[in-house]
Amino acid sequence: MAVLRLFASIRVAAGTGKTVIPGDTVGEIIDAANKSFGQTFTDLLPVCRIWVNGEQAELNTPVVEDDEVAILPPISGG
């Protein structure tokens, strides 16, 4: 089970900043998160970056117990 960390707008959509989700790949974790957090969460994902333990990841990136999967939407500001 990996720790899923969520930031900014995707955190708001999920209603939490941190949860534990089972899965062997980033894609499996994202699929489970989509089912848990609903359409607004799913709609935000295409513009987000996904990281595993501080390294940019793809959907086929494997994860093991206690890995941290982070989803970060684009951030703007000034």
PDB file of N, CA and C in Angstrom:
ATOM      1  N   MET A   1       0.837  -1.183   0.000  1.00  0.00           N
ATOM      2  CA  MET A   1       0.000   0.000   0.000  1.00  0.00           C
ATOM      3  C   MET A   1       0.879   1.243   0.000  1.00  0.00           C
ATOM      4  N   ALA A   2       0.599   2.126  -0.908  1.00  0.00           N
ATOM      5  CA  ALA A   2       1.366   3.359  -0.997  1.00  0.00           C
ATOM      6  C   ALA A   2       0.617   4.489  -0.303  1.00  0.00           C
ATOM      7  N   VAL A   3       1.369   5.468   0.129  1.00  0.00           N
ATOM      8  CA  VAL A   3       0.785   6.681   0.695  1.00  0.00           C
ATOM      9  C   VAL A   3       0.547   7.645  -0.460  1.00  0.00           C
ATOM     10  N   LEU A   4      -0.680   8.091  -0.613  1.00  0.00           N
ATOM     11  CA  LEU A   4      -1.031   9.052  -1.650  1.00  0.00           C
ATOM     12  C   LEU A   4      -1.120  10.427  -1.013  1.00  0.00           C
ATOM     13  N   ARG A   5      -0.287  11.355  -1.506  1.00  0.00           N
ATOM     14  CA  ARG A   5      -0.279  12.739  -1.013  1.00  0.00           C
ATOM     15  C   ARG A   5      -0.843  13.623  -2.114  1.00  0.00           C
ATOM     16  N   LEU A   6      -1.741  14.496  -1.725  1.00  0.00           N
ATOM     17  CA  LEU A   6      -2.421  15.368  -2.673  1.00  0.00           C
ATOM     18  C   LEU A   6      -2.210  16.818  -2.277  1.00  0.00           C
ATOM     19  N   PHE A   7      -2.099  17.677  -3.285  1.00  0.00           N
ATOM     20  CA  PHE A   7      -1.787  19.082  -3.030  1.00  0.00           C
ATOM     21  C   PHE A   7      -2.729  20.003  -3.793  1.00  0.00           C
ATOM     22  N   ALA A   8      -2.910  21.194  -3.251  1.00  0.00           N
ATOM     23  CA  ALA A   8      -3.653  22.298  -3.882  1.00  0.00           C
ATOM     24  C   ALA A   8      -5.060  21.867  -4.307  1.00  0.00           C
ATOM     25  N   SER A   9      -5.442  22.141  -5.543  1.00  0.00           N
ATOM     26  CA  SER A   9      -6.821  21.901  -5.982  1.00  0.00           C
ATOM     27  C   SER A   9      -7.205  20.428  -5.985  1.00  0.00           C
ATOM     28  N   ILE A  10      -6.271  19.548  -6.241  1.00  0.00           N
ATOM     29  CA  ILE A  10      -6.608  18.118  -6.233  1.00  0.00           C
ATOM     30  C   ILE A  10      -6.850  17.631  -4.802  1.00  0.00           C
ATOM     31  N   ARG A  11      -6.190  18.269  -3.866  1.00  0.00           N
ATOM     32  CA  ARG A  11      -6.435  17.973  -2.448  1.00  0.00           C
ATOM     33  C   ARG A  11      -7.855  18.399  -2.066  1.00  0.00           C
ATOM     34  N   VAL A  12      -8.252  19.564  -2.521  1.00  0.00           N
ATOM     35  CA  VAL A  12      -9.603  20.057  -2.248  1.00  0.00           C
ATOM     36  C   VAL A  12     -10.634  19.117  -2.875  1.00  0.00           C
ATOM     37  N   ALA A  13     -10.398  18.692  -4.109  1.00  0.00           N
ATOM     38  CA  ALA A  13     -11.335  17.801  -4.795  1.00  0.00           C
ATOM     39  C   ALA A  13     -11.489  16.478  -4.060  1.00  0.00           C
ATOM     40  N   ALA A  14     -10.403  15.974  -3.493  1.00  0.00           N
ATOM     41  CA  ALA A  14     -10.429  14.694  -2.786  1.00  0.00           C
ATOM     42  C   ALA A  14     -10.970  14.830  -1.369  1.00  0.00           C
ATOM     43  N   GLY A  15     -10.861  16.011  -0.815  1.00  0.00           N
ATOM     44  CA  GLY A  15     -11.292  16.213   0.558  1.00  0.00           C
ATOM     45  C   GLY A  15     -10.292  15.721   1.589  1.00  0.00           C
ATOM     46  N   THR A  16      -9.081  15.435   1.139  1.00  0.00           N
ATOM     47  CA  THR A  16      -8.011  14.986   2.035  1.00  0.00           C
ATOM     48  C   THR A  16      -6.669  15.269   1.385  1.00  0.00           C
ATOM     49  N   GLY A  17      -5.651  15.379   2.193  1.00  0.00           N
ATOM     50  CA  GLY A  17      -4.304  15.596   1.675  1.00  0.00           C
ATOM     51  C   GLY A  17      -3.450  14.352   1.696  1.00  0.00           C
ATOM     52  N   LYS A  18      -3.938  13.308   2.391  1.00  0.00           N
ATOM     53  CA  LYS A  18      -3.107  12.112   2.539  1.00  0.00           C
ATOM     54  C   LYS A  18      -3.996  10.914   2.830  1.00  0.00           C
ATOM     55  N   THR A  19      -3.730   9.814   2.138  1.00  0.00           N
ATOM     56  CA  THR A  19      -4.451   8.570   2.372  1.00  0.00           C
ATOM     57  C   THR A  19      -3.575   7.409   1.936  1.00  0.00           C
ATOM     58  N   VAL A  20      -3.935   6.224   2.320  1.00  0.00           N
ATOM     59  CA  VAL A  20      -3.215   5.017   1.923  1.00  0.00           C
ATOM     60  C   VAL A  20      -4.096   4.264   0.937  1.00  0.00           C
ATOM     61  N   ILE A  21      -3.522   3.915  -0.214  1.00  0.00           N
ATOM     62  CA  ILE A  21      -4.271   3.242  -1.269  1.00  0.00           C
ATOM     63  C   ILE A  21      -3.460   2.052  -1.769  1.00  0.00           C
ATOM     64  N   PRO A  22      -4.094   0.879  -1.909  1.00  0.00           N
ATOM     65  CA  PRO A  22      -3.385  -0.290  -2.424  1.00  0.00           C
ATOM     66  C   PRO A  22      -3.174  -0.193  -3.931  1.00  0.00           C
ATOM     67  N   GLY A  23      -2.097  -0.777  -4.403  1.00  0.00           N
ATOM     68  CA  GLY A  23      -1.804  -0.846  -5.830  1.00  0.00           C
ATOM     69  C   GLY A  23      -0.358  -1.188  -6.054  1.00  0.00           C
ATOM     70  N   ASP A  24      -0.080  -1.854  -7.176  1.00  0.00           N
ATOM     71  CA  ASP A  24       1.288  -2.240  -7.513  1.00  0.00           C
ATOM     72  C   ASP A  24       1.955  -1.272  -8.475  1.00  0.00           C
ATOM     73  N   THR A  25       1.149  -0.387  -9.092  1.00  0.00           N
ATOM     74  CA  THR A  25       1.690   0.629  -9.994  1.00  0.00           C
ATOM     75  C   THR A  25       1.001   1.958  -9.705  1.00  0.00           C
ATOM     76  N   VAL A  26       1.581   3.016 -10.202  1.00  0.00           N
ATOM     77  CA  VAL A  26       0.955   4.331 -10.070  1.00  0.00           C
ATOM     78  C   VAL A  26      -0.430   4.307 -10.703  1.00  0.00           C
ATOM     79  N   GLY A  27      -0.566   3.660 -11.842  1.00  0.00           N
ATOM     80  CA  GLY A  27      -1.860   3.588 -12.522  1.00  0.00           C
ATOM     81  C   GLY A  27      -2.936   2.930 -11.677  1.00  0.00           C
ATOM     82  N   GLU A  28      -2.590   1.861 -10.979  1.00  0.00           N
ATOM     83  CA  GLU A  28      -3.559   1.188 -10.111  1.00  0.00           C
ATOM     84  C   GLU A  28      -3.975   2.098  -8.955  1.00  0.00           C
ATOM     85  N   ILE A  29      -3.034   2.836  -8.434  1.00  0.00           N
ATOM     86  CA  ILE A  29      -3.346   3.762  -7.347  1.00  0.00           C
ATOM     87  C   ILE A  29      -4.238   4.896  -7.854  1.00  0.00           C
ATOM     88  N   ILE A  30      -3.938   5.415  -9.033  1.00  0.00           N
ATOM     89  CA  ILE A  30      -4.758   6.478  -9.621  1.00  0.00           C
ATOM     90  C   ILE A  30      -6.171   5.971  -9.894  1.00  0.00           C
ATOM     91  N   ASP A  31      -6.301   4.752 -10.419  1.00  0.00           N
ATOM     92  CA  ASP A  31      -7.627   4.183 -10.676  1.00  0.00           C
ATOM     93  C   ASP A  31      -8.442   4.083  -9.387  1.00  0.00           C
ATOM     94  N   ALA A  32      -7.809   3.594  -8.330  1.00  0.00           N
ATOM     95  CA  ALA A  32      -8.497   3.470  -7.043  1.00  0.00           C
ATOM     96  C   ALA A  32      -8.886   4.845  -6.500  1.00  0.00           C
ATOM     97  N   ALA A  33      -8.003   5.829  -6.665  1.00  0.00           N
ATOM     98  CA  ALA A  33      -8.297   7.185  -6.203  1.00  0.00           C
ATOM     99  C   ALA A  33      -9.468   7.780  -6.991  1.00  0.00           C
ATOM    100  N   ASN A  34      -9.496   7.543  -8.299  1.00  0.00           N
ATOM    101  CA  ASN A  34     -10.615   8.036  -9.117  1.00  0.00           C
ATOM    102  C   ASN A  34     -11.944   7.492  -8.602  1.00  0.00           C
ATOM    103  N   LYS A  35     -11.968   6.213  -8.285  1.00  0.00           N
ATOM    104  CA  LYS A  35     -13.196   5.590  -7.776  1.00  0.00           C
ATOM    105  C   LYS A  35     -13.580   6.158  -6.410  1.00  0.00           C
ATOM    106  N   SER A  36     -12.589   6.444  -5.591  1.00  0.00           N
ATOM    107  CA  SER A  36     -12.856   6.943  -4.241  1.00  0.00           C
ATOM    108  C   SER A  36     -13.255   8.416  -4.205  1.00  0.00           C
ATOM    109  N   PHE A  37     -12.625   9.238  -5.054  1.00  0.00           N
ATOM    110  CA  PHE A  37     -12.763  10.685  -4.917  1.00  0.00           C
ATOM    111  C   PHE A  37     -13.690  11.341  -5.925  1.00  0.00           C
ATOM    112  N   GLY A  38     -14.121  10.647  -6.957  1.00  0.00           N
ATOM    113  CA  GLY A  38     -15.147  11.167  -7.845  1.00  0.00           C
ATOM    114  C   GLY A  38     -14.674  11.971  -9.042  1.00  0.00           C
ATOM    115  N   GLN A  39     -15.669  12.517  -9.749  1.00  0.00           N
ATOM    116  CA  GLN A  39     -15.446  13.139 -11.052  1.00  0.00           C
ATOM    117  C   GLN A  39     -14.582  14.397 -11.016  1.00  0.00           C
ATOM    118  N   THR A  40     -14.746  15.241 -10.032  1.00  0.00           N
ATOM    119  CA  THR A  40     -13.934  16.463  -9.973  1.00  0.00           C
ATOM    120  C   THR A  40     -12.463  16.106  -9.852  1.00  0.00           C
ATOM    121  N   PHE A  41     -12.156  15.135  -9.023  1.00  0.00           N
ATOM    122  CA  PHE A  41     -10.782  14.642  -8.883  1.00  0.00           C
ATOM    123  C   PHE A  41     -10.274  14.128 -10.232  1.00  0.00           C
ATOM    124  N   THR A  42     -11.073  13.275 -10.871  1.00  0.00           N
ATOM    125  CA  THR A  42     -10.701  12.685 -12.157  1.00  0.00           C
ATOM    126  C   THR A  42     -10.467  13.756 -13.214  1.00  0.00           C
ATOM    127  N   ASP A  43     -11.305  14.779 -13.222  1.00  0.00           N
ATOM    128  CA  ASP A  43     -11.183  15.854 -14.213  1.00  0.00           C
ATOM    129  C   ASP A  43      -9.892  16.654 -14.054  1.00  0.00           C
ATOM    130  N   LEU A  44      -9.370  16.743 -12.846  1.00  0.00           N
ATOM    131  CA  LEU A  44      -8.140  17.508 -12.596  1.00  0.00           C
ATOM    132  C   LEU A  44      -6.867  16.736 -12.965  1.00  0.00           C
ATOM    133  N   LEU A  45      -6.932  15.421 -12.969  1.00  0.00           N
ATOM    134  CA  LEU A  45      -5.724  14.609 -13.156  1.00  0.00           C
ATOM    135  C   LEU A  45      -4.923  14.879 -14.436  1.00  0.00           C
ATOM    136  N   PRO A  46      -5.563  15.113 -15.581  1.00  0.00           N
ATOM    137  CA  PRO A  46      -4.777  15.291 -16.809  1.00  0.00           C
ATOM    138  C   PRO A  46      -3.762  16.438 -16.767  1.00  0.00           C
ATOM    139  N   VAL A  47      -3.966  17.426 -15.927  1.00  0.00           N
ATOM    140  CA  VAL A  47      -3.032  18.549 -15.865  1.00  0.00           C
ATOM    141  C   VAL A  47      -2.028  18.421 -14.710  1.00  0.00           C
ATOM    142  N   CYS A  48      -2.122  17.340 -13.975  1.00  0.00           N
ATOM    143  CA  CYS A  48      -1.264  17.147 -12.801  1.00  0.00           C
ATOM    144  C   CYS A  48       0.012  16.397 -13.136  1.00  0.00           C
ATOM    145  N   ARG A  49       0.999  16.576 -12.285  1.00  0.00           N
ATOM    146  CA  ARG A  49       2.245  15.799 -12.327  1.00  0.00           C
ATOM    147  C   ARG A  49       2.182  14.770 -11.216  1.00  0.00           C
ATOM    148  N   ILE A  50       2.760  13.611 -11.483  1.00  0.00           N
ATOM    149  CA  ILE A  50       2.762  12.536 -10.489  1.00  0.00           C
ATOM    150  C   ILE A  50       4.212  12.195 -10.163  1.00  0.00           C
ATOM    151  N   TRP A  51       4.478  12.082  -8.877  1.00  0.00           N
ATOM    152  CA  TRP A  51       5.818  11.797  -8.387  1.00  0.00           C
ATOM    153  C   TRP A  51       5.776  10.601  -7.440  1.00  0.00           C
ATOM    154  N   VAL A  52       6.791   9.784  -7.473  1.00  0.00           N
ATOM    155  CA  VAL A  52       6.948   8.690  -6.506  1.00  0.00           C
ATOM    156  C   VAL A  52       8.269   8.908  -5.784  1.00  0.00           C
ATOM    157  N   ASN A  53       8.181   9.091  -4.499  1.00  0.00           N
ATOM    158  CA  ASN A  53       9.365   9.316  -3.663  1.00  0.00           C
ATOM    159  C   ASN A  53      10.259  10.424  -4.204  1.00  0.00           C
ATOM    160  N   GLY A  54       9.630  11.500  -4.695  1.00  0.00           N
ATOM    161  CA  GLY A  54      10.377  12.662  -5.152  1.00  0.00           C
ATOM    162  C   GLY A  54      10.882  12.591  -6.576  1.00  0.00           C
ATOM    163  N   GLU A  55      10.536  11.512  -7.300  1.00  0.00           N
ATOM    164  CA  GLU A  55      10.948  11.357  -8.699  1.00  0.00           C
ATOM    165  C   GLU A  55       9.705  11.349  -9.582  1.00  0.00           C
ATOM    166  N   GLN A  56       9.772  12.069 -10.712  1.00  0.00           N
ATOM    167  CA  GLN A  56       8.619  12.086 -11.604  1.00  0.00           C
ATOM    168  C   GLN A  56       8.317  10.666 -12.063  1.00  0.00           C
ATOM    169  N   ALA A  57       7.019  10.324 -12.141  1.00  0.00           N
ATOM    170  CA  ALA A  57       6.607   8.956 -12.430  1.00  0.00           C
ATOM    171  C   ALA A  57       5.584   8.906 -13.553  1.00  0.00           C
ATOM    172  N   GLU A  58       5.459   7.731 -14.139  1.00  0.00           N
ATOM    173  CA  GLU A  58       4.452   7.444 -15.157  1.00  0.00           C
ATOM    174  C   GLU A  58       3.449   6.454 -14.573  1.00  0.00           C
ATOM    175  N   LEU A  59       2.352   6.208 -15.281  1.00  0.00           N
ATOM    176  CA  LEU A  59       1.330   5.299 -14.778  1.00  0.00           C
ATOM    177  C   LEU A  59       1.845   3.877 -14.581  1.00  0.00           C
ATOM    178  N   ASN A  60       2.842   3.476 -15.367  1.00  0.00           N
ATOM    179  CA  ASN A  60       3.374   2.114 -15.238  1.00  0.00           C
ATOM    180  C   ASN A  60       4.505   2.002 -14.213  1.00  0.00           C
ATOM    181  N   THR A  61       4.822   3.088 -13.518  1.00  0.00           N
ATOM    182  CA  THR A  61       5.861   3.063 -12.493  1.00  0.00           C
ATOM    183  C   THR A  61       5.413   2.153 -11.343  1.00  0.00           C
ATOM    184  N   PRO A  62       6.237   1.164 -10.984  1.00  0.00           N
ATOM    185  CA  PRO A  62       5.861   0.280  -9.878  1.00  0.00           C
ATOM    186  C   PRO A  62       5.984   1.001  -8.533  1.00  0.00           C
ATOM    187  N   VAL A  63       5.143   0.591  -7.604  1.00  0.00           N
ATOM    188  CA  VAL A  63       5.217   1.104  -6.241  1.00  0.00           C
ATOM    189  C   VAL A  63       5.199  -0.078  -5.277  1.00  0.00           C
ATOM    190  N   VAL A  64       5.849   0.119  -4.157  1.00  0.00           N
ATOM    191  CA  VAL A  64       5.874  -0.894  -3.105  1.00  0.00           C
ATOM    192  C   VAL A  64       5.367  -0.263  -1.819  1.00  0.00           C
ATOM    193  N   GLU A  65       5.170  -1.090  -0.823  1.00  0.00           N
ATOM    194  CA  GLU A  65       4.657  -0.613   0.450  1.00  0.00           C
ATOM    195  C   GLU A  65       5.497   0.546   0.972  1.00  0.00           C
ATOM    196  N   ASP A  66       4.812   1.554   1.465  1.00  0.00           N
ATOM    197  CA  ASP A  66       5.403   2.753   2.059  1.00  0.00           C
ATOM    198  C   ASP A  66       5.992   3.733   1.057  1.00  0.00           C
ATOM    199  N   ASP A  67       5.867   3.474  -0.256  1.00  0.00           N
ATOM    200  CA  ASP A  67       6.236   4.499  -1.229  1.00  0.00           C
ATOM    201  C   ASP A  67       5.258   5.663  -1.093  1.00  0.00           C
ATOM    202  N   GLU A  68       5.722   6.853  -1.432  1.00  0.00           N
ATOM    203  CA  GLU A  68       4.858   8.029  -1.423  1.00  0.00           C
ATOM    204  C   GLU A  68       4.582   8.466  -2.856  1.00  0.00           C
ATOM    205  N   VAL A  69       3.319   8.423  -3.233  1.00  0.00           N
ATOM    206  CA  VAL A  69       2.869   8.888  -4.542  1.00  0.00           C
ATOM    207  C   VAL A  69       2.252  10.270  -4.323  1.00  0.00           C
ATOM    208  N   ALA A  70       2.801  11.265  -4.982  1.00  0.00           N
ATOM    209  CA  ALA A  70       2.319  12.639  -4.832  1.00  0.00           C
ATOM    210  C   ALA A  70       1.707  13.112  -6.135  1.00  0.00           C
ATOM    211  N   ILE A  71       0.553  13.762  -6.031  1.00  0.00           N
ATOM    212  CA  ILE A  71      -0.102  14.350  -7.206  1.00  0.00           C
ATOM    213  C   ILE A  71      -0.124  15.861  -7.002  1.00  0.00           C
ATOM    214  N   LEU A  72       0.492  16.556  -7.965  1.00  0.00           N
ATOM    215  CA  LEU A  72       0.607  18.006  -7.880  1.00  0.00           C
ATOM    216  C   LEU A  72       0.004  18.669  -9.114  1.00  0.00           C
ATOM    217  N   PRO A  73      -1.031  19.472  -8.924  1.00  0.00           N
ATOM    218  CA  PRO A  73      -1.568  20.233 -10.061  1.00  0.00           C
ATOM    219  C   PRO A  73      -0.649  21.413 -10.370  1.00  0.00           C
ATOM    220  N   PRO A  74      -0.810  22.005 -11.556  1.00  0.00           N
ATOM    221  CA  PRO A  74      -0.015  23.193 -11.860  1.00  0.00           C
ATOM    222  C   PRO A  74      -0.350  24.301 -10.873  1.00  0.00           C
ATOM    223  N   ILE A  75       0.662  25.037 -10.513  1.00  0.00           N
ATOM    224  CA  ILE A  75       0.474  26.114  -9.556  1.00  0.00           C
ATOM    225  C   ILE A  75       0.846  27.425 -10.224  1.00  0.00           C
ATOM    226  N   SER A  76       0.001  28.407 -10.085  1.00  0.00           N
ATOM    227  CA  SER A  76       0.324  29.721 -10.624  1.00  0.00           C
ATOM    228  C   SER A  76       0.274  30.724  -9.503  1.00  0.00           C
ATOM    229  N   GLY A  77       0.888  31.802  -9.732  1.00  0.00           N
ATOM    230  CA  GLY A  77       0.901  32.849  -8.722  1.00  0.00           C
ATOM    231  C   GLY A  77       1.856  33.940  -9.112  1.00  0.00           C
ATOM    232  N   GLY A  78       2.027  34.834  -8.225  1.00  0.00           N
ATOM    233  CA  GLY A  78       2.914  35.923  -8.575  1.00  0.00           C
ATOM    234  C   GLY A  78       3.486  36.564  -7.360  1.00  0.00           C
TER     235      GLY A  78
END
